[in-house]
Amino acid sequence: MPAEAFRNQIWKPALAAADLTVRVRTHDLRHVYASWPLSGGADLQVVKERLGHAPIATTEKYLHTLDHAEETALSAFTKIRHRSGCRSS
């Protein structure tokens, strides 16, 4: 679908129906699409490919918005450690 048709036929009517008090741009959707999976522990390479970024540095720009990135990384490590059958003393 051409961008102008999307804006006029889908995006603008959806914004009007939502009656939002803040301005939302289509780029904001892209930002959420990158940030939320990363926040949940998604692989950076997978998010990069899904967004169609060529350099991974472009996708890495979304990492700055993650308040609990370290906690997520430790949680992912714990999950994989238990899944592989490793035990800590």
PDB file of N, CA and C in Angstrom:
ATOM      1  N   MET A   1       0.853  -1.167   0.000  1.00  0.00           N
ATOM      2  CA  MET A   1       0.000   0.000   0.000  1.00  0.00           C
ATOM      3  C   MET A   1       0.900   1.231   0.000  1.00  0.00           C
ATOM      4  N   PRO A   2       0.659   2.162  -0.872  1.00  0.00           N
ATOM      5  CA  PRO A   2       1.449   3.395  -0.895  1.00  0.00           C
ATOM      6  C   PRO A   2       1.318   4.159   0.428  1.00  0.00           C
ATOM      7  N   ALA A   3       2.395   4.818   0.816  1.00  0.00           N
ATOM      8  CA  ALA A   3       2.438   5.524   2.103  1.00  0.00           C
ATOM      9  C   ALA A   3       1.317   6.559   2.244  1.00  0.00           C
ATOM     10  N   GLU A   4       1.065   7.305   1.191  1.00  0.00           N
ATOM     11  CA  GLU A   4       0.017   8.343   1.280  1.00  0.00           C
ATOM     12  C   GLU A   4      -1.362   7.718   1.483  1.00  0.00           C
ATOM     13  N   ALA A   5      -1.624   6.619   0.816  1.00  0.00           N
ATOM     14  CA  ALA A   5      -2.912   5.931   0.987  1.00  0.00           C
ATOM     15  C   ALA A   5      -3.039   5.396   2.408  1.00  0.00           C
ATOM     16  N   PHE A   6      -1.957   4.848   2.946  1.00  0.00           N
ATOM     17  CA  PHE A   6      -1.977   4.353   4.323  1.00  0.00           C
ATOM     18  C   PHE A   6      -2.298   5.486   5.290  1.00  0.00           C
ATOM     19  N   ARG A   7      -1.590   6.617   5.112  1.00  0.00           N
ATOM     20  CA  ARG A   7      -1.823   7.760   6.004  1.00  0.00           C
ATOM     21  C   ARG A   7      -3.271   8.238   5.948  1.00  0.00           C
ATOM     22  N   ASN A   8      -3.789   8.397   4.737  1.00  0.00           N
ATOM     23  CA  ASN A   8      -5.124   8.982   4.582  1.00  0.00           C
ATOM     24  C   ASN A   8      -6.262   8.012   4.864  1.00  0.00           C
ATOM     25  N   GLN A   9      -6.096   6.745   4.525  1.00  0.00           N
ATOM     26  CA  GLN A   9      -7.189   5.784   4.646  1.00  0.00           C
ATOM     27  C   GLN A   9      -7.169   4.994   5.958  1.00  0.00           C
ATOM     28  N   ILE A  10      -5.985   4.870   6.562  1.00  0.00           N
ATOM     29  CA  ILE A  10      -5.893   4.047   7.769  1.00  0.00           C
ATOM     30  C   ILE A  10      -5.397   4.844   8.973  1.00  0.00           C
ATOM     31  N   TRP A  11      -4.228   5.468   8.830  1.00  0.00           N
ATOM     32  CA  TRP A  11      -3.590   6.121   9.970  1.00  0.00           C
ATOM     33  C   TRP A  11      -4.405   7.281  10.532  1.00  0.00           C
ATOM     34  N   LYS A  12      -4.757   8.244   9.691  1.00  0.00           N
ATOM     35  CA  LYS A  12      -5.493   9.415  10.170  1.00  0.00           C
ATOM     36  C   LYS A  12      -6.863   9.047  10.750  1.00  0.00           C
ATOM     37  N   PRO A  13      -7.641   8.174  10.103  1.00  0.00           N
ATOM     38  CA  PRO A  13      -8.911   7.774  10.713  1.00  0.00           C
ATOM     39  C   PRO A  13      -8.727   7.049  12.052  1.00  0.00           C
ATOM     40  N   ALA A  14      -7.674   6.229  12.173  1.00  0.00           N
ATOM     41  CA  ALA A  14      -7.420   5.533  13.439  1.00  0.00           C
ATOM     42  C   ALA A  14      -7.069   6.520  14.542  1.00  0.00           C
ATOM     43  N   LEU A  15      -6.253   7.515  14.234  1.00  0.00           N
ATOM     44  CA  LEU A  15      -5.906   8.537  15.225  1.00  0.00           C
ATOM     45  C   LEU A  15      -7.134   9.320  15.655  1.00  0.00           C
ATOM     46  N   ALA A  16      -7.977   9.650  14.704  1.00  0.00           N
ATOM     47  CA  ALA A  16      -9.191  10.398  15.029  1.00  0.00           C
ATOM     48  C   ALA A  16     -10.116   9.560  15.921  1.00  0.00           C
ATOM     49  N   ALA A  17     -10.246   8.287  15.612  1.00  0.00           N
ATOM     50  CA  ALA A  17     -11.110   7.403  16.405  1.00  0.00           C
ATOM     51  C   ALA A  17     -10.552   7.197  17.813  1.00  0.00           C
ATOM     52  N   ALA A  18      -9.236   7.194  17.948  1.00  0.00           N
ATOM     53  CA  ALA A  18      -8.618   6.982  19.254  1.00  0.00           C
ATOM     54  C   ALA A  18      -8.738   8.211  20.144  1.00  0.00           C
ATOM     55  N   ASP A  19      -8.934   9.368  19.544  1.00  0.00           N
ATOM     56  CA  ASP A  19      -9.088  10.622  20.284  1.00  0.00           C
ATOM     57  C   ASP A  19      -7.960  10.817  21.303  1.00  0.00           C
ATOM     58  N   LEU A  20      -6.732  10.681  20.830  1.00  0.00           N
ATOM     59  CA  LEU A  20      -5.559  10.787  21.700  1.00  0.00           C
ATOM     60  C   LEU A  20      -5.260  12.229  22.064  1.00  0.00           C
ATOM     61  N   THR A  21      -4.651  12.400  23.232  1.00  0.00           N
ATOM     62  CA  THR A  21      -4.272  13.742  23.673  1.00  0.00           C
ATOM     63  C   THR A  21      -2.805  14.036  23.347  1.00  0.00           C
ATOM     64  N   VAL A  22      -2.100  13.054  22.786  1.00  0.00           N
ATOM     65  CA  VAL A  22      -0.700  13.234  22.399  1.00  0.00           C
ATOM     66  C   VAL A  22      -0.571  12.993  20.903  1.00  0.00           C
ATOM     67  N   ARG A  23       0.454  13.578  20.330  1.00  0.00           N
ATOM     68  CA  ARG A  23       0.713  13.384  18.904  1.00  0.00           C
ATOM     69  C   ARG A  23       1.463  12.069  18.716  1.00  0.00           C
ATOM     70  N   VAL A  24       0.969  11.213  17.834  1.00  0.00           N
ATOM     71  CA  VAL A  24       1.610   9.939  17.538  1.00  0.00           C
ATOM     72  C   VAL A  24       1.948   9.905  16.050  1.00  0.00           C
ATOM     73  N   ARG A  25       3.215   9.638  15.779  1.00  0.00           N
ATOM     74  CA  ARG A  25       3.668   9.544  14.390  1.00  0.00           C
ATOM     75  C   ARG A  25       3.833   8.075  14.013  1.00  0.00           C
ATOM     76  N   THR A  26       3.805   7.783  12.714  1.00  0.00           N
ATOM     77  CA  THR A  26       4.008   6.402  12.289  1.00  0.00           C
ATOM     78  C   THR A  26       5.391   5.922  12.721  1.00  0.00           C
ATOM     79  N   HIS A  27       6.369   6.808  12.789  1.00  0.00           N
ATOM     80  CA  HIS A  27       7.703   6.420  13.252  1.00  0.00           C
ATOM     81  C   HIS A  27       7.657   5.926  14.695  1.00  0.00           C
ATOM     82  N   ASP A  28       6.741   6.446  15.485  1.00  0.00           N
ATOM     83  CA  ASP A  28       6.602   5.989  16.867  1.00  0.00           C
ATOM     84  C   ASP A  28       6.236   4.503  16.915  1.00  0.00           C
ATOM     85  N   LEU A  29       5.432   4.054  15.959  1.00  0.00           N
ATOM     86  CA  LEU A  29       5.096   2.633  15.891  1.00  0.00           C
ATOM     87  C   LEU A  29       6.343   1.792  15.633  1.00  0.00           C
ATOM     88  N   ARG A  30       7.183   2.265  14.755  1.00  0.00           N
ATOM     89  CA  ARG A  30       8.428   1.563  14.431  1.00  0.00           C
ATOM     90  C   ARG A  30       9.326   1.496  15.670  1.00  0.00           C
ATOM     91  N   HIS A  31       9.369   2.583  16.401  1.00  0.00           N
ATOM     92  CA  HIS A  31      10.179   2.639  17.616  1.00  0.00           C
ATOM     93  C   HIS A  31       9.672   1.614  18.643  1.00  0.00           C
ATOM     94  N   VAL A  32       8.374   1.550  18.816  1.00  0.00           N
ATOM     95  CA  VAL A  32       7.778   0.579  19.736  1.00  0.00           C
ATOM     96  C   VAL A  32       8.052  -0.839  19.247  1.00  0.00           C
ATOM     97  N   TYR A  33       7.932  -1.050  17.932  1.00  0.00           N
ATOM     98  CA  TYR A  33       8.160  -2.375  17.351  1.00  0.00           C
ATOM     99  C   TYR A  33       9.584  -2.857  17.621  1.00  0.00           C
ATOM    100  N   ALA A  34      10.524  -1.941  17.731  1.00  0.00           N
ATOM    101  CA  ALA A  34      11.909  -2.309  18.045  1.00  0.00           C
ATOM    102  C   ALA A  34      12.131  -2.402  19.546  1.00  0.00           C
ATOM    103  N   SER A  35      11.666  -1.433  20.284  1.00  0.00           N
ATOM    104  CA  SER A  35      11.965  -1.339  21.714  1.00  0.00           C
ATOM    105  C   SER A  35      11.316  -2.422  22.556  1.00  0.00           C
ATOM    106  N   TRP A  36      10.058  -2.710  22.324  1.00  0.00           N
ATOM    107  CA  TRP A  36       9.367  -3.679  23.175  1.00  0.00           C
ATOM    108  C   TRP A  36       9.956  -5.083  23.085  1.00  0.00           C
ATOM    109  N   PRO A  37      10.202  -5.621  21.884  1.00  0.00           N
ATOM    110  CA  PRO A  37      10.821  -6.960  21.837  1.00  0.00           C
ATOM    111  C   PRO A  37      12.207  -6.970  22.475  1.00  0.00           C
ATOM    112  N   LEU A  38      12.980  -5.915  22.255  1.00  0.00           N
ATOM    113  CA  LEU A  38      14.309  -5.840  22.866  1.00  0.00           C
ATOM    114  C   LEU A  38      14.186  -5.797  24.378  1.00  0.00           C
ATOM    115  N   SER A  39      13.205  -5.071  24.878  1.00  0.00           N
ATOM    116  CA  SER A  39      12.975  -4.985  26.315  1.00  0.00           C
ATOM    117  C   SER A  39      12.615  -6.345  26.899  1.00  0.00           C
ATOM    118  N   GLY A  40      11.953  -7.151  26.101  1.00  0.00           N
ATOM    119  CA  GLY A  40      11.563  -8.482  26.542  1.00  0.00           C
ATOM    120  C   GLY A  40      12.648  -9.526  26.372  1.00  0.00           C
ATOM    121  N   GLY A  41      13.801  -9.109  25.853  1.00  0.00           N
ATOM    122  CA  GLY A  41      14.923 -10.034  25.698  1.00  0.00           C
ATOM    123  C   GLY A  41      15.102 -10.589  24.306  1.00  0.00           C
ATOM    124  N   ALA A  42      14.397 -10.040  23.326  1.00  0.00           N
ATOM    125  CA  ALA A  42      14.548 -10.520  21.947  1.00  0.00           C
ATOM    126  C   ALA A  42      15.980 -10.299  21.463  1.00  0.00           C
ATOM    127  N   ASP A  43      16.401 -11.144  20.570  1.00  0.00           N
ATOM    128  CA  ASP A  43      17.737 -11.051  19.991  1.00  0.00           C
ATOM    129  C   ASP A  43      17.838  -9.814  19.098  1.00  0.00           C
ATOM    130  N   LEU A  44      18.896  -9.048  19.283  1.00  0.00           N
ATOM    131  CA  LEU A  44      19.104  -7.815  18.513  1.00  0.00           C
ATOM    132  C   LEU A  44      19.148  -8.098  17.015  1.00  0.00           C
ATOM    133  N   GLN A  45      19.793  -9.175  16.620  1.00  0.00           N
ATOM    134  CA  GLN A  45      19.896  -9.530  15.199  1.00  0.00           C
ATOM    135  C   GLN A  45      18.524  -9.818  14.596  1.00  0.00           C
ATOM    136  N   VAL A  46      17.665 -10.478  15.336  1.00  0.00           N
ATOM    137  CA  VAL A  46      16.315 -10.784  14.842  1.00  0.00           C
ATOM    138  C   VAL A  46      15.522  -9.493  14.654  1.00  0.00           C
ATOM    139  N   VAL A  47      15.590  -8.594  15.629  1.00  0.00           N
ATOM    140  CA  VAL A  47      14.880  -7.313  15.520  1.00  0.00           C
ATOM    141  C   VAL A  47      15.426  -6.515  14.339  1.00  0.00           C
ATOM    142  N   LYS A  48      16.737  -6.514  14.172  1.00  0.00           N
ATOM    143  CA  LYS A  48      17.386  -5.830  13.040  1.00  0.00           C
ATOM    144  C   LYS A  48      16.820  -6.318  11.712  1.00  0.00           C
ATOM    145  N   GLU A  49      16.747  -7.632  11.571  1.00  0.00           N
ATOM    146  CA  GLU A  49      16.251  -8.206  10.321  1.00  0.00           C
ATOM    147  C   GLU A  49      14.777  -7.887  10.100  1.00  0.00           C
ATOM    148  N   ARG A  50      13.978  -7.934  11.163  1.00  0.00           N
ATOM    149  CA  ARG A  50      12.545  -7.657  11.027  1.00  0.00           C
ATOM    150  C   ARG A  50      12.274  -6.207  10.660  1.00  0.00           C
ATOM    151  N   LEU A  51      13.154  -5.295  11.121  1.00  0.00           N
ATOM    152  CA  LEU A  51      12.996  -3.879  10.780  1.00  0.00           C
ATOM    153  C   LEU A  51      13.591  -3.541   9.419  1.00  0.00           C
ATOM    154  N   GLY A  52      14.395  -4.456   8.874  1.00  0.00           N
ATOM    155  CA  GLY A  52      15.009  -4.214   7.573  1.00  0.00           C
ATOM    156  C   GLY A  52      16.228  -3.324   7.638  1.00  0.00           C
ATOM    157  N   HIS A  53      16.854  -3.228   8.801  1.00  0.00           N
ATOM    158  CA  HIS A  53      18.067  -2.425   8.928  1.00  0.00           C
ATOM    159  C   HIS A  53      19.251  -3.179   8.325  1.00  0.00           C
ATOM    160  N   ALA A  54      20.107  -2.475   7.608  1.00  0.00           N
ATOM    161  CA  ALA A  54      21.322  -3.108   7.083  1.00  0.00           C
ATOM    162  C   ALA A  54      22.394  -3.168   8.184  1.00  0.00           C
ATOM    163  N   PRO A  55      22.829  -2.025   8.719  1.00  0.00           N
ATOM    164  CA  PRO A  55      23.817  -2.097   9.807  1.00  0.00           C
ATOM    165  C   PRO A  55      23.128  -2.302  11.154  1.00  0.00           C
ATOM    166  N   ILE A  56      23.698  -3.147  11.969  1.00  0.00           N
ATOM    167  CA  ILE A  56      23.113  -3.416  13.292  1.00  0.00           C
ATOM    168  C   ILE A  56      23.176  -2.172  14.179  1.00  0.00           C
ATOM    169  N   ALA A  57      24.089  -1.264  13.868  1.00  0.00           N
ATOM    170  CA  ALA A  57      24.211  -0.016  14.630  1.00  0.00           C
ATOM    171  C   ALA A  57      22.900   0.786  14.582  1.00  0.00           C
ATOM    172  N   THR A  58      22.180   0.675  13.488  1.00  0.00           N
ATOM    173  CA  THR A  58      20.898   1.383  13.378  1.00  0.00           C
ATOM    174  C   THR A  58      19.915   0.833  14.402  1.00  0.00           C
ATOM    175  N   THR A  59      19.867  -0.472  14.549  1.00  0.00           N
ATOM    176  CA  THR A  59      18.965  -1.107  15.512  1.00  0.00           C
ATOM    177  C   THR A  59      19.417  -0.830  16.939  1.00  0.00           C
ATOM    178  N   GLU A  60      20.712  -0.773  17.156  1.00  0.00           N
ATOM    179  CA  GLU A  60      21.246  -0.526  18.496  1.00  0.00           C
ATOM    180  C   GLU A  60      20.784   0.808  19.064  1.00  0.00           C
ATOM    181  N   LYS A  61      20.416   1.730  18.211  1.00  0.00           N
ATOM    182  CA  LYS A  61      19.945   3.041  18.678  1.00  0.00           C
ATOM    183  C   LYS A  61      18.696   2.911  19.540  1.00  0.00           C
ATOM    184  N   TYR A  62      17.943   1.842  19.345  1.00  0.00           N
ATOM    185  CA  TYR A  62      16.724   1.642  20.130  1.00  0.00           C
ATOM    186  C   TYR A  62      17.028   1.138  21.533  1.00  0.00           C
ATOM    187  N   LEU A  63      18.220   0.672  21.792  1.00  0.00           N
ATOM    188  CA  LEU A  63      18.572   0.117  23.095  1.00  0.00           C
ATOM    189  C   LEU A  63      18.618   1.177  24.193  1.00  0.00           C
ATOM    190  N   HIS A  64      18.861   2.430  23.844  1.00  0.00           N
ATOM    191  CA  HIS A  64      18.980   3.482  24.861  1.00  0.00           C
ATOM    192  C   HIS A  64      17.684   3.709  25.626  1.00  0.00           C
ATOM    193  N   THR A  65      16.586   3.240  25.106  1.00  0.00           N
ATOM    194  CA  THR A  65      15.296   3.478  25.756  1.00  0.00           C
ATOM    195  C   THR A  65      14.954   2.420  26.792  1.00  0.00           C
ATOM    196  N   LEU A  66      15.801   1.416  26.939  1.00  0.00           N
ATOM    197  CA  LEU A  66      15.481   0.302  27.826  1.00  0.00           C
ATOM    198  C   LEU A  66      15.981   0.565  29.235  1.00  0.00           C
ATOM    199  N   ASP A  67      15.068   0.897  30.136  1.00  0.00           N
ATOM    200  CA  ASP A  67      15.415   1.213  31.516  1.00  0.00           C
ATOM    201  C   ASP A  67      15.974   0.022  32.275  1.00  0.00           C
ATOM    202  N   HIS A  68      15.515  -1.160  31.953  1.00  0.00           N
ATOM    203  CA  HIS A  68      15.917  -2.334  32.707  1.00  0.00           C
ATOM    204  C   HIS A  68      16.693  -3.334  31.850  1.00  0.00           C
ATOM    205  N   ALA A  69      17.542  -2.852  30.967  1.00  0.00           N
ATOM    206  CA  ALA A  69      18.289  -3.717  30.047  1.00  0.00           C
ATOM    207  C   ALA A  69      19.181  -4.707  30.786  1.00  0.00           C
ATOM    208  N   GLU A  70      19.849  -4.255  31.843  1.00  0.00           N
ATOM    209  CA  GLU A  70      20.739  -5.150  32.573  1.00  0.00           C
ATOM    210  C   GLU A  70      19.934  -6.263  33.245  1.00  0.00           C
ATOM    211  N   GLU A  71      18.819  -5.909  33.835  1.00  0.00           N
ATOM    212  CA  GLU A  71      17.956  -6.897  34.480  1.00  0.00           C
ATOM    213  C   GLU A  71      17.453  -7.929  33.465  1.00  0.00           C
ATOM    214  N   THR A  72      17.085  -7.469  32.268  1.00  0.00           N
ATOM    215  CA  THR A  72      16.613  -8.362  31.218  1.00  0.00           C
ATOM    216  C   THR A  72      17.717  -9.313  30.778  1.00  0.00           C
ATOM    217  N   ALA A  73      18.934  -8.789  30.658  1.00  0.00           N
ATOM    218  CA  ALA A  73      20.064  -9.624  30.251  1.00  0.00           C
ATOM    219  C   ALA A  73      20.331 -10.704  31.293  1.00  0.00           C
ATOM    220  N   LEU A  74      20.293 -10.349  32.566  1.00  0.00           N
ATOM    221  CA  LEU A  74      20.514 -11.336  33.621  1.00  0.00           C
ATOM    222  C   LEU A  74      19.398 -12.375  33.636  1.00  0.00           C
ATOM    223  N   SER A  75      18.182 -11.952  33.402  1.00  0.00           N
ATOM    224  CA  SER A  75      17.056 -12.877  33.351  1.00  0.00           C
ATOM    225  C   SER A  75      17.218 -13.864  32.196  1.00  0.00           C
ATOM    226  N   ALA A  76      17.642 -13.355  31.041  1.00  0.00           N
ATOM    227  CA  ALA A  76      17.867 -14.228  29.891  1.00  0.00           C
ATOM    228  C   ALA A  76      18.972 -15.233  30.183  1.00  0.00           C
ATOM    229  N   PHE A  77      20.027 -14.785  30.839  1.00  0.00           N
ATOM    230  CA  PHE A  77      21.124 -15.682  31.209  1.00  0.00           C
ATOM    231  C   PHE A  77      20.614 -16.778  32.147  1.00  0.00           C
ATOM    232  N   THR A  78      19.807 -16.413  33.114  1.00  0.00           N
ATOM    233  CA  THR A  78      19.259 -17.385  34.060  1.00  0.00           C
ATOM    234  C   THR A  78      18.397 -18.410  33.340  1.00  0.00           C
ATOM    235  N   LYS A  79      17.563 -17.949  32.402  1.00  0.00           N
ATOM    236  CA  LYS A  79      16.695 -18.866  31.659  1.00  0.00           C
ATOM    237  C   LYS A  79      17.519 -19.876  30.874  1.00  0.00           C
ATOM    238  N   ILE A  80      18.513 -19.413  30.152  1.00  0.00           N
ATOM    239  CA  ILE A  80      19.312 -20.304  29.319  1.00  0.00           C
ATOM    240  C   ILE A  80      20.148 -21.241  30.180  1.00  0.00           C
ATOM    241  N   ARG A  81      20.614 -20.758  31.311  1.00  0.00           N
ATOM    242  CA  ARG A  81      21.415 -21.594  32.211  1.00  0.00           C
ATOM    243  C   ARG A  81      20.568 -22.755  32.725  1.00  0.00           C
ATOM    244  N   HIS A  82      19.348 -22.484  33.129  1.00  0.00           N
ATOM    245  CA  HIS A  82      18.466 -23.544  33.625  1.00  0.00           C
ATOM    246  C   HIS A  82      18.001 -24.470  32.516  1.00  0.00           C
ATOM    247  N   ARG A  83      17.813 -23.939  31.340  1.00  0.00           N
ATOM    248  CA  ARG A  83      17.377 -24.754  30.216  1.00  0.00           C
ATOM    249  C   ARG A  83      18.449 -25.743  29.797  1.00  0.00           C
ATOM    250  N   SER A  84      19.721 -25.341  29.885  1.00  0.00           N
ATOM    251  CA  SER A  84      20.800 -26.215  29.442  1.00  0.00           C
ATOM    252  C   SER A  84      21.182 -27.253  30.495  1.00  0.00           C
ATOM    253  N   GLY A  85      20.551 -27.194  31.656  1.00  0.00           N
ATOM    254  CA  GLY A  85      20.832 -28.176  32.687  1.00  0.00           C
ATOM    255  C   GLY A  85      22.010 -27.819  33.564  1.00  0.00           C
ATOM    256  N   CYS A  86      22.573 -26.635  33.406  1.00  0.00           N
ATOM    257  CA  CYS A  86      23.700 -26.191  34.233  1.00  0.00           C
ATOM    258  C   CYS A  86      23.203 -25.905  35.629  1.00  0.00           C
ATOM    259  N   ARG A  87      24.007 -26.196  36.591  1.00  0.00           N
ATOM    260  CA  ARG A  87      23.681 -25.912  38.001  1.00  0.00           C
ATOM    261  C   ARG A  87      24.772 -25.068  38.603  1.00  0.00           C
ATOM    262  N   SER A  88      24.394 -24.118  39.421  1.00  0.00           N
ATOM    263  CA  SER A  88      25.404 -23.334  40.135  1.00  0.00           C
ATOM    264  C   SER A  88      25.406 -23.776  41.581  1.00  0.00           C
ATOM    265  N   SER A  89      26.539 -23.620  42.254  1.00  0.00           N
ATOM    266  CA  SER A  89      26.602 -24.048  43.656  1.00  0.00           C
ATOM    267  C   SER A  89      26.305 -22.925  44.600  1.00  0.00           C
TER     268      SER A  89
END
